[in-house]
Amino acid sequence: MDAQTIKERIAQIQSKREYLMSLLEQPNLGTLKIDVNQALEEMDELIDEYRRTFPDTES
């Protein structure tokens, strides 16, 4: 997988992260809030790892 493909996939992940953040604002989320928080944590870790691996790229 080349760097451009990885960059595009990270951009997709970042856009989905915004959706998950909006889900957290829903009052009827119930126990799914735990799963949404976990997904956000994992996304943040992935994005951080990407930035450490490709420090010269903007994302």
PDB file of N, CA and C in Angstrom:
ATOM      1  N   MET A   1       0.853  -1.161   0.000  1.00  0.00           N
ATOM      2  CA  MET A   1       0.000   0.000   0.000  1.00  0.00           C
ATOM      3  C   MET A   1       0.905   1.231   0.000  1.00  0.00           C
ATOM      4  N   ASP A   2       0.626   2.170  -0.888  1.00  0.00           N
ATOM      5  CA  ASP A   2       1.482   3.345  -0.981  1.00  0.00           C
ATOM      6  C   ASP A   2       1.009   4.438  -0.015  1.00  0.00           C
ATOM      7  N   ALA A   3       1.845   5.434   0.177  1.00  0.00           N
ATOM      8  CA  ALA A   3       1.572   6.492   1.151  1.00  0.00           C
ATOM      9  C   ALA A   3       0.310   7.276   0.804  1.00  0.00           C
ATOM     10  N   GLN A   4       0.049   7.495  -0.464  1.00  0.00           N
ATOM     11  CA  GLN A   4      -1.144   8.245  -0.869  1.00  0.00           C
ATOM     12  C   GLN A   4      -2.424   7.493  -0.487  1.00  0.00           C
ATOM     13  N   THR A   5      -2.437   6.193  -0.681  1.00  0.00           N
ATOM     14  CA  THR A   5      -3.600   5.387  -0.309  1.00  0.00           C
ATOM     15  C   THR A   5      -3.827   5.440   1.192  1.00  0.00           C
ATOM     16  N   ILE A   6      -2.752   5.346   1.947  1.00  0.00           N
ATOM     17  CA  ILE A   6      -2.867   5.420   3.396  1.00  0.00           C
ATOM     18  C   ILE A   6      -3.413   6.783   3.810  1.00  0.00           C
ATOM     19  N   LYS A   7      -2.917   7.841   3.195  1.00  0.00           N
ATOM     20  CA  LYS A   7      -3.379   9.194   3.501  1.00  0.00           C
ATOM     21  C   LYS A   7      -4.875   9.324   3.222  1.00  0.00           C
ATOM     22  N   GLU A   8      -5.340   8.767   2.113  1.00  0.00           N
ATOM     23  CA  GLU A   8      -6.763   8.826   1.767  1.00  0.00           C
ATOM     24  C   GLU A   8      -7.610   8.061   2.786  1.00  0.00           C
ATOM     25  N   ARG A   9      -7.126   6.928   3.211  1.00  0.00           N
ATOM     26  CA  ARG A   9      -7.876   6.138   4.199  1.00  0.00           C
ATOM     27  C   ARG A   9      -7.922   6.825   5.555  1.00  0.00           C
ATOM     28  N   ILE A  10      -6.845   7.483   5.929  1.00  0.00           N
ATOM     29  CA  ILE A  10      -6.841   8.236   7.186  1.00  0.00           C
ATOM     30  C   ILE A  10      -7.849   9.378   7.101  1.00  0.00           C
ATOM     31  N   ALA A  11      -7.935  10.021   5.955  1.00  0.00           N
ATOM     32  CA  ALA A  11      -8.917  11.101   5.778  1.00  0.00           C
ATOM     33  C   ALA A  11     -10.341  10.553   5.935  1.00  0.00           C
ATOM     34  N   GLN A  12     -10.603   9.370   5.418  1.00  0.00           N
ATOM     35  CA  GLN A  12     -11.922   8.746   5.580  1.00  0.00           C
ATOM     36  C   GLN A  12     -12.196   8.456   7.057  1.00  0.00           C
ATOM     37  N   ILE A  13     -11.206   7.952   7.740  1.00  0.00           N
ATOM     38  CA  ILE A  13     -11.348   7.640   9.168  1.00  0.00           C
ATOM     39  C   ILE A  13     -11.635   8.917   9.950  1.00  0.00           C
ATOM     40  N   GLN A  14     -10.941   9.987   9.615  1.00  0.00           N
ATOM     41  CA  GLN A  14     -11.163  11.244  10.319  1.00  0.00           C
ATOM     42  C   GLN A  14     -12.585  11.761  10.102  1.00  0.00           C
ATOM     43  N   SER A  15     -13.118  11.591   8.902  1.00  0.00           N
ATOM     44  CA  SER A  15     -14.483  12.050   8.648  1.00  0.00           C
ATOM     45  C   SER A  15     -15.485  11.199   9.433  1.00  0.00           C
ATOM     46  N   LYS A  16     -15.221   9.926   9.583  1.00  0.00           N
ATOM     47  CA  LYS A  16     -16.103   9.059  10.361  1.00  0.00           C
ATOM     48  C   LYS A  16     -15.993   9.355  11.852  1.00  0.00           C
ATOM     49  N   ARG A  17     -14.848   9.831  12.260  1.00  0.00           N
ATOM     50  CA  ARG A  17     -14.662  10.206  13.657  1.00  0.00           C
ATOM     51  C   ARG A  17     -15.626  11.328  14.025  1.00  0.00           C
ATOM     52  N   GLU A  18     -15.782  12.277  13.145  1.00  0.00           N
ATOM     53  CA  GLU A  18     -16.714  13.383  13.406  1.00  0.00           C
ATOM     54  C   GLU A  18     -18.138  12.860  13.603  1.00  0.00           C
ATOM     55  N   TYR A  19     -18.516  11.857  12.843  1.00  0.00           N
ATOM     56  CA  TYR A  19     -19.849  11.274  12.998  1.00  0.00           C
ATOM     57  C   TYR A  19     -19.990  10.616  14.376  1.00  0.00           C
ATOM     58  N   LEU A  20     -18.970   9.904  14.794  1.00  0.00           N
ATOM     59  CA  LEU A  20     -19.008   9.269  16.117  1.00  0.00           C
ATOM     60  C   LEU A  20     -19.098  10.313  17.224  1.00  0.00           C
ATOM     61  N   MET A  21     -18.413  11.419  17.045  1.00  0.00           N
ATOM     62  CA  MET A  21     -18.495  12.484  18.041  1.00  0.00           C
ATOM     63  C   MET A  21     -19.934  13.003  18.140  1.00  0.00           C
ATOM     64  N   SER A  22     -20.612  13.111  17.002  1.00  0.00           N
ATOM     65  CA  SER A  22     -21.998  13.578  17.031  1.00  0.00           C
ATOM     66  C   SER A  22     -22.913  12.548  17.694  1.00  0.00           C
ATOM     67  N   LEU A  23     -22.576  11.268  17.564  1.00  0.00           N
ATOM     68  CA  LEU A  23     -23.368  10.230  18.224  1.00  0.00           C
ATOM     69  C   LEU A  23     -23.320  10.356  19.746  1.00  0.00           C
ATOM     70  N   LEU A  24     -22.187  10.770  20.256  1.00  0.00           N
ATOM     71  CA  LEU A  24     -22.050  10.895  21.704  1.00  0.00           C
ATOM     72  C   LEU A  24     -23.025  11.920  22.288  1.00  0.00           C
ATOM     73  N   GLU A  25     -23.479  12.833  21.463  1.00  0.00           N
ATOM     74  CA  GLU A  25     -24.411  13.862  21.925  1.00  0.00           C
ATOM     75  C   GLU A  25     -25.850  13.355  22.000  1.00  0.00           C
ATOM     76  N   GLN A  26     -26.095  12.160  21.484  1.00  0.00           N
ATOM     77  CA  GLN A  26     -27.449  11.610  21.495  1.00  0.00           C
ATOM     78  C   GLN A  26     -27.805  11.125  22.900  1.00  0.00           C
ATOM     79  N   PRO A  27     -28.935  11.584  23.423  1.00  0.00           N
ATOM     80  CA  PRO A  27     -29.300  11.201  24.794  1.00  0.00           C
ATOM     81  C   PRO A  27     -29.757   9.746  24.931  1.00  0.00           C
ATOM     82  N   ASN A  28     -30.174   9.116  23.842  1.00  0.00           N
ATOM     83  CA  ASN A  28     -30.707   7.754  23.918  1.00  0.00           C
ATOM     84  C   ASN A  28     -29.692   6.692  23.494  1.00  0.00           C
ATOM     85  N   LEU A  29     -28.430   6.983  23.588  1.00  0.00           N
ATOM     86  CA  LEU A  29     -27.393   6.057  23.143  1.00  0.00           C
ATOM     87  C   LEU A  29     -27.245   4.858  24.079  1.00  0.00           C
ATOM     88  N   GLY A  30     -27.515   5.058  25.350  1.00  0.00           N
ATOM     89  CA  GLY A  30     -27.452   3.955  26.312  1.00  0.00           C
ATOM     90  C   GLY A  30     -26.063   3.369  26.424  1.00  0.00           C
ATOM     91  N   THR A  31     -26.012   2.035  26.483  1.00  0.00           N
ATOM     92  CA  THR A  31     -24.724   1.350  26.661  1.00  0.00           C
ATOM     93  C   THR A  31     -23.861   1.387  25.408  1.00  0.00           C
ATOM     94  N   LEU A  32     -24.431   1.762  24.275  1.00  0.00           N
ATOM     95  CA  LEU A  32     -23.619   1.897  23.058  1.00  0.00           C
ATOM     96  C   LEU A  32     -22.590   3.015  23.185  1.00  0.00           C
ATOM     97  N   LYS A  33     -22.801   3.899  24.156  1.00  0.00           N
ATOM     98  CA  LYS A  33     -21.857   4.988  24.385  1.00  0.00           C
ATOM     99  C   LYS A  33     -20.465   4.431  24.683  1.00  0.00           C
ATOM    100  N   ILE A  34     -20.414   3.306  25.376  1.00  0.00           N
ATOM    101  CA  ILE A  34     -19.134   2.660  25.686  1.00  0.00           C
ATOM    102  C   ILE A  34     -18.428   2.248  24.399  1.00  0.00           C
ATOM    103  N   ASP A  35     -19.172   1.649  23.475  1.00  0.00           N
ATOM    104  CA  ASP A  35     -18.593   1.216  22.199  1.00  0.00           C
ATOM    105  C   ASP A  35     -18.141   2.400  21.354  1.00  0.00           C
ATOM    106  N   VAL A  36     -18.930   3.462  21.359  1.00  0.00           N
ATOM    107  CA  VAL A  36     -18.571   4.655  20.590  1.00  0.00           C
ATOM    108  C   VAL A  36     -17.288   5.267  21.166  1.00  0.00           C
ATOM    109  N   ASN A  37     -17.205   5.341  22.478  1.00  0.00           N
ATOM    110  CA  ASN A  37     -15.984   5.856  23.103  1.00  0.00           C
ATOM    111  C   ASN A  37     -14.773   5.002  22.759  1.00  0.00           C
ATOM    112  N   GLN A  38     -14.943   3.698  22.759  1.00  0.00           N
ATOM    113  CA  GLN A  38     -13.847   2.787  22.410  1.00  0.00           C
ATOM    114  C   GLN A  38     -13.409   2.993  20.964  1.00  0.00           C
ATOM    115  N   ALA A  39     -14.364   3.133  20.079  1.00  0.00           N
ATOM    116  CA  ALA A  39     -14.048   3.364  18.667  1.00  0.00           C
ATOM    117  C   ALA A  39     -13.279   4.675  18.505  1.00  0.00           C
ATOM    118  N   LEU A  40     -13.696   5.705  19.215  1.00  0.00           N
ATOM    119  CA  LEU A  40     -12.997   6.992  19.147  1.00  0.00           C
ATOM    120  C   LEU A  40     -11.565   6.872  19.660  1.00  0.00           C
ATOM    121  N   GLU A  41     -11.377   6.156  20.748  1.00  0.00           N
ATOM    122  CA  GLU A  41     -10.029   5.962  21.279  1.00  0.00           C
ATOM    123  C   GLU A  41      -9.139   5.244  20.276  1.00  0.00           C
ATOM    124  N   GLU A  42      -9.673   4.212  19.651  1.00  0.00           N
ATOM    125  CA  GLU A  42      -8.888   3.458  18.676  1.00  0.00           C
ATOM    126  C   GLU A  42      -8.590   4.289  17.436  1.00  0.00           C
ATOM    127  N   MET A  43      -9.552   5.082  17.016  1.00  0.00           N
ATOM    128  CA  MET A  43      -9.318   5.969  15.870  1.00  0.00           C
ATOM    129  C   MET A  43      -8.225   6.982  16.194  1.00  0.00           C
ATOM    130  N   ASP A  44      -8.284   7.558  17.388  1.00  0.00           N
ATOM    131  CA  ASP A  44      -7.279   8.528  17.796  1.00  0.00           C
ATOM    132  C   ASP A  44      -5.888   7.901  17.820  1.00  0.00           C
ATOM    133  N   GLU A  45      -5.801   6.677  18.319  1.00  0.00           N
ATOM    134  CA  GLU A  45      -4.516   5.970  18.337  1.00  0.00           C
ATOM    135  C   GLU A  45      -4.005   5.738  16.919  1.00  0.00           C
ATOM    136  N   LEU A  46      -4.889   5.342  16.029  1.00  0.00           N
ATOM    137  CA  LEU A  46      -4.504   5.100  14.637  1.00  0.00           C
ATOM    138  C   LEU A  46      -4.023   6.385  13.975  1.00  0.00           C
ATOM    139  N   ILE A  47      -4.738   7.472  14.203  1.00  0.00           N
ATOM    140  CA  ILE A  47      -4.357   8.755  13.613  1.00  0.00           C
ATOM    141  C   ILE A  47      -3.024   9.224  14.185  1.00  0.00           C
ATOM    142  N   ASP A  48      -2.829   9.062  15.481  1.00  0.00           N
ATOM    143  CA  ASP A  48      -1.547   9.431  16.098  1.00  0.00           C
ATOM    144  C   ASP A  48      -0.398   8.607  15.529  1.00  0.00           C
ATOM    145  N   GLU A  49      -0.638   7.318  15.365  1.00  0.00           N
ATOM    146  CA  GLU A  49       0.400   6.453  14.795  1.00  0.00           C
ATOM    147  C   GLU A  49       0.721   6.862  13.359  1.00  0.00           C
ATOM    148  N   TYR A  50      -0.294   7.206  12.597  1.00  0.00           N
ATOM    149  CA  TYR A  50      -0.086   7.679  11.225  1.00  0.00           C
ATOM    150  C   TYR A  50       0.787   8.933  11.225  1.00  0.00           C
ATOM    151  N   ARG A  51       0.469   9.872  12.124  1.00  0.00           N
ATOM    152  CA  ARG A  51       1.222  11.130  12.180  1.00  0.00           C
ATOM    153  C   ARG A  51       2.668  10.906  12.616  1.00  0.00           C
ATOM    154  N   ARG A  52       2.895   9.922  13.473  1.00  0.00           N
ATOM    155  CA  ARG A  52       4.272   9.597  13.871  1.00  0.00           C
ATOM    156  C   ARG A  52       5.031   8.933  12.724  1.00  0.00           C
ATOM    157  N   THR A  53       4.326   8.120  11.944  1.00  0.00           N
ATOM    158  CA  THR A  53       4.966   7.403  10.854  1.00  0.00           C
ATOM    159  C   THR A  53       5.221   8.304   9.650  1.00  0.00           C
ATOM    160  N   PHE A  54       4.269   9.209   9.385  1.00  0.00           N
ATOM    161  CA  PHE A  54       4.382  10.127   8.249  1.00  0.00           C
ATOM    162  C   PHE A  54       4.300  11.572   8.768  1.00  0.00           C
ATOM    163  N   PRO A  55       5.347  12.042   9.449  1.00  0.00           N
ATOM    164  CA  PRO A  55       5.266  13.351  10.086  1.00  0.00           C
ATOM    165  C   PRO A  55       5.189  14.520   9.105  1.00  0.00           C
ATOM    166  N   ASP A  56       5.598  14.335   7.872  1.00  0.00           N
ATOM    167  CA  ASP A  56       5.619  15.427   6.902  1.00  0.00           C
ATOM    168  C   ASP A  56       4.310  15.598   6.157  1.00  0.00           C
ATOM    169  N   THR A  57       3.333  14.731   6.399  1.00  0.00           N
ATOM    170  CA  THR A  57       2.075  14.824   5.669  1.00  0.00           C
ATOM    171  C   THR A  57       1.034  15.538   6.494  1.00  0.00           C
ATOM    172  N   GLU A  58       0.175  16.248   5.821  1.00  0.00           N
ATOM    173  CA  GLU A  58      -0.949  16.932   6.475  1.00  0.00           C
ATOM    174  C   GLU A  58      -2.129  16.004   6.472  1.00  0.00           C
ATOM    175  N   SER A  59      -2.856  15.929   7.587  1.00  0.00           N
ATOM    176  CA  SER A  59      -4.081  15.126   7.641  1.00  0.00           C
ATOM    177  C   SER A  59      -5.091  15.786   8.512  1.00  0.00           C
TER     178      SER A  59
END
